[in-house]
Amino acid sequence: RGQTACSSCPASTTGPRGSTSSTNCFCAPGTFGTITGSTSECGTCPEAHYCPGGPVAVPCPEGGWSPAGTVGVGNCVCMPGWYGANGLPCTLCPIGHSCEGGSQAPSPCP
């Protein structure tokens, strides 16, 4: 009585908890793309991007990189030649220093 039948989301998608409509489905975290009716076109999030779920792959902050399938910005790390905290814009390594990437501080060149 008063209950609505559940609708399944297409493959590679998810929806809000308790949703009963497939129109509420979106690409699962780590993927991005669109859903048309019962068909999903969700692909793996590309390198140097993060995908919290939905239609868009978001680029990592400047100087950052992440592996394919990354879910959150906190997994974007600074590439070699840059330094800074994960998930934040990276700073270009200063002249006369070496930067291995990640959050490690620049090291002066000998």
C-alpha atoms as a PDB file:
ATOM      1  CA  ARG A   1       0.000   0.000   0.000  1.00  0.00           C
ATOM      2  CA  GLY A   2       1.489   3.351  -1.063  1.00  0.00           C
ATOM      3  CA  GLN A   3       4.792   1.751  -2.154  1.00  0.00           C
ATOM      4  CA  THR A   4       6.431   2.519  -5.471  1.00  0.00           C
ATOM      5  CA  ALA A   5       8.350  -0.170  -7.331  1.00  0.00           C
ATOM      6  CA  CYS A   6      12.120   0.264  -7.444  1.00  0.00           C
ATOM      7  CA  SER A   7      13.775   0.981 -10.780  1.00  0.00           C
ATOM      8  CA  SER A   8      17.250  -0.275 -11.536  1.00  0.00           C
ATOM      9  CA  CYS A   9      19.904   2.092 -12.800  1.00  0.00           C
ATOM     10  CA  PRO A  10      21.759   1.105 -16.001  1.00  0.00           C
ATOM     11  CA  ALA A  11      25.189  -0.567 -15.781  1.00  0.00           C
ATOM     12  CA  SER A  12      28.030   1.641 -14.448  1.00  0.00           C
ATOM     13  CA  THR A  13      25.564   4.033 -12.835  1.00  0.00           C
ATOM     14  CA  THR A  14      24.094   4.669  -9.420  1.00  0.00           C
ATOM     15  CA  GLY A  15      21.317   6.766  -7.905  1.00  0.00           C
ATOM     16  CA  PRO A  16      20.381   8.450  -4.646  1.00  0.00           C
ATOM     17  CA  ARG A  17      19.429   6.109  -1.820  1.00  0.00           C
ATOM     18  CA  GLY A  18      15.696   5.503  -1.786  1.00  0.00           C
ATOM     19  CA  SER A  19      15.154   6.749  -5.334  1.00  0.00           C
ATOM     20  CA  THR A  20      12.427   4.964  -7.259  1.00  0.00           C
ATOM     21  CA  SER A  21      13.060   6.547 -10.657  1.00  0.00           C
ATOM     22  CA  SER A  22      15.737   5.712 -13.203  1.00  0.00           C
ATOM     23  CA  THR A  23      15.761   9.421 -14.152  1.00  0.00           C
ATOM     24  CA  ASN A  24      17.712  10.000 -10.904  1.00  0.00           C
ATOM     25  CA  CYS A  25      20.571   7.723 -12.025  1.00  0.00           C
ATOM     26  CA  PHE A  26      24.023   9.154 -12.747  1.00  0.00           C
ATOM     27  CA  CYS A  27      27.460   7.787 -13.673  1.00  0.00           C
ATOM     28  CA  ALA A  28      29.104   6.153 -10.662  1.00  0.00           C
ATOM     29  CA  PRO A  29      32.090   7.786  -8.900  1.00  0.00           C
ATOM     30  CA  GLY A  30      35.290   7.174 -10.869  1.00  0.00           C
ATOM     31  CA  THR A  31      33.345   7.391 -14.140  1.00  0.00           C
ATOM     32  CA  PHE A  32      31.661  10.154 -16.157  1.00  0.00           C
ATOM     33  CA  GLY A  33      29.211  10.432 -19.014  1.00  0.00           C
ATOM     34  CA  THR A  34      25.540  10.530 -19.822  1.00  0.00           C
ATOM     35  CA  ILE A  35      22.487   8.361 -19.397  1.00  0.00           C
ATOM     36  CA  THR A  36      19.733   8.208 -21.964  1.00  0.00           C
ATOM     37  CA  GLY A  37      16.750   6.145 -20.924  1.00  0.00           C
ATOM     38  CA  SER A  38      18.060   2.726 -19.917  1.00  0.00           C
ATOM     39  CA  THR A  39      21.412   3.196 -21.683  1.00  0.00           C
ATOM     40  CA  SER A  40      24.496   4.575 -19.971  1.00  0.00           C
ATOM     41  CA  GLU A  41      27.547   5.982 -21.690  1.00  0.00           C
ATOM     42  CA  CYS A  42      29.756   6.166 -18.618  1.00  0.00           C
ATOM     43  CA  GLY A  43      33.486   5.851 -19.207  1.00  0.00           C
ATOM     44  CA  THR A  44      36.421   5.554 -16.847  1.00  0.00           C
ATOM     45  CA  CYS A  45      37.670   8.878 -15.549  1.00  0.00           C
ATOM     46  CA  PRO A  46      40.819   9.819 -17.549  1.00  0.00           C
ATOM     47  CA  GLU A  47      44.273  10.430 -16.076  1.00  0.00           C
ATOM     48  CA  ALA A  48      44.851  13.901 -14.558  1.00  0.00           C
ATOM     49  CA  HIS A  49      41.125  14.219 -13.776  1.00  0.00           C
ATOM     50  CA  TYR A  50      38.777  13.217 -10.976  1.00  0.00           C
ATOM     51  CA  CYS A  51      35.175  12.089 -11.317  1.00  0.00           C
ATOM     52  CA  PRO A  52      32.920  12.316  -8.264  1.00  0.00           C
ATOM     53  CA  GLY A  53      30.117  10.806 -10.368  1.00  0.00           C
ATOM     54  CA  GLY A  54      27.928  12.433 -12.978  1.00  0.00           C
ATOM     55  CA  PRO A  55      28.439  13.859 -16.448  1.00  0.00           C
ATOM     56  CA  VAL A  56      31.802  15.636 -16.114  1.00  0.00           C
ATOM     57  CA  ALA A  57      35.482  14.678 -15.693  1.00  0.00           C
ATOM     58  CA  VAL A  58      37.055  17.499 -13.659  1.00  0.00           C
ATOM     59  CA  PRO A  59      40.713  18.360 -14.371  1.00  0.00           C
ATOM     60  CA  CYS A  60      43.128  18.098 -11.446  1.00  0.00           C
ATOM     61  CA  PRO A  61      44.360  21.458 -10.167  1.00  0.00           C
ATOM     62  CA  GLU A  62      47.290  23.003 -12.076  1.00  0.00           C
ATOM     63  CA  GLY A  63      50.399  20.808 -11.956  1.00  0.00           C
ATOM     64  CA  GLY A  64      48.412  17.864 -10.597  1.00  0.00           C
ATOM     65  CA  TRP A  65      48.012  14.310 -11.878  1.00  0.00           C
ATOM     66  CA  SER A  66      45.871  11.326 -10.936  1.00  0.00           C
ATOM     67  CA  PRO A  67      45.483   7.794 -12.292  1.00  0.00           C
ATOM     68  CA  ALA A  68      42.485   6.835 -14.428  1.00  0.00           C
ATOM     69  CA  GLY A  69      39.371   6.146 -12.366  1.00  0.00           C
ATOM     70  CA  THR A  70      40.121   8.712  -9.646  1.00  0.00           C
ATOM     71  CA  VAL A  71      37.067   9.671  -7.580  1.00  0.00           C
ATOM     72  CA  GLY A  72      38.123  12.762  -5.590  1.00  0.00           C
ATOM     73  CA  VAL A  73      40.324  15.840  -5.948  1.00  0.00           C
ATOM     74  CA  GLY A  74      42.314  14.741  -2.872  1.00  0.00           C
ATOM     75  CA  ASN A  75      43.844  12.008  -5.040  1.00  0.00           C
ATOM     76  CA  CYS A  76      45.379  14.568  -7.421  1.00  0.00           C
ATOM     77  CA  VAL A  77      49.093  14.811  -6.600  1.00  0.00           C
ATOM     78  CA  CYS A  78      51.721  17.240  -7.833  1.00  0.00           C
ATOM     79  CA  MET A  79      53.782  16.001 -10.778  1.00  0.00           C
ATOM     80  CA  PRO A  80      57.604  16.089 -10.833  1.00  0.00           C
ATOM     81  CA  GLY A  81      58.727  19.700 -11.291  1.00  0.00           C
ATOM     82  CA  TRP A  82      55.890  20.869  -9.029  1.00  0.00           C
ATOM     83  CA  TYR A  83      55.134  20.650  -5.296  1.00  0.00           C
ATOM     84  CA  GLY A  84      52.179  21.169  -2.962  1.00  0.00           C
ATOM     85  CA  ALA A  85      49.407  19.532  -0.994  1.00  0.00           C
ATOM     86  CA  ASN A  86      47.257  16.830  -2.606  1.00  0.00           C
ATOM     87  CA  GLY A  87      44.090  18.217  -4.153  1.00  0.00           C
ATOM     88  CA  LEU A  88      45.260  21.834  -4.252  1.00  0.00           C
ATOM     89  CA  PRO A  89      46.940  23.796  -7.057  1.00  0.00           C
ATOM     90  CA  CYS A  90      50.624  22.874  -7.241  1.00  0.00           C
ATOM     91  CA  THR A  91      53.468  25.372  -7.228  1.00  0.00           C
ATOM     92  CA  LEU A  92      56.073  25.280  -9.989  1.00  0.00           C
ATOM     93  CA  CYS A  93      59.488  24.274  -8.656  1.00  0.00           C
ATOM     94  CA  PRO A  94      61.680  27.365  -8.112  1.00  0.00           C
ATOM     95  CA  ILE A  95      64.828  27.923 -10.189  1.00  0.00           C
ATOM     96  CA  GLY A  96      67.855  26.313  -8.539  1.00  0.00           C
ATOM     97  CA  HIS A  97      65.779  23.605  -6.863  1.00  0.00           C
ATOM     98  CA  SER A  98      64.649  20.073  -7.603  1.00  0.00           C
ATOM     99  CA  CYS A  99      61.063  18.906  -7.022  1.00  0.00           C
ATOM    100  CA  GLU A 100      60.221  15.208  -7.107  1.00  0.00           C
ATOM    101  CA  GLY A 101      56.484  15.910  -7.078  1.00  0.00           C
ATOM    102  CA  GLY A 102      53.922  15.325  -4.371  1.00  0.00           C
ATOM    103  CA  SER A 103      54.002  17.378  -1.193  1.00  0.00           C
ATOM    104  CA  GLN A 104      57.757  17.128  -0.668  1.00  0.00           C
ATOM    105  CA  ALA A 105      59.394  20.569  -0.348  1.00  0.00           C
ATOM    106  CA  PRO A 106      61.815  21.717  -3.071  1.00  0.00           C
ATOM    107  CA  SER A 107      65.443  20.613  -2.554  1.00  0.00           C
ATOM    108  CA  PRO A 108      68.236  23.096  -3.390  1.00  0.00           C
ATOM    109  CA  CYS A 109      70.461  21.973  -6.248  1.00  0.00           C
ATOM    110  CA  PRO A 110      74.143  21.449  -5.325  1.00  0.00           C
END
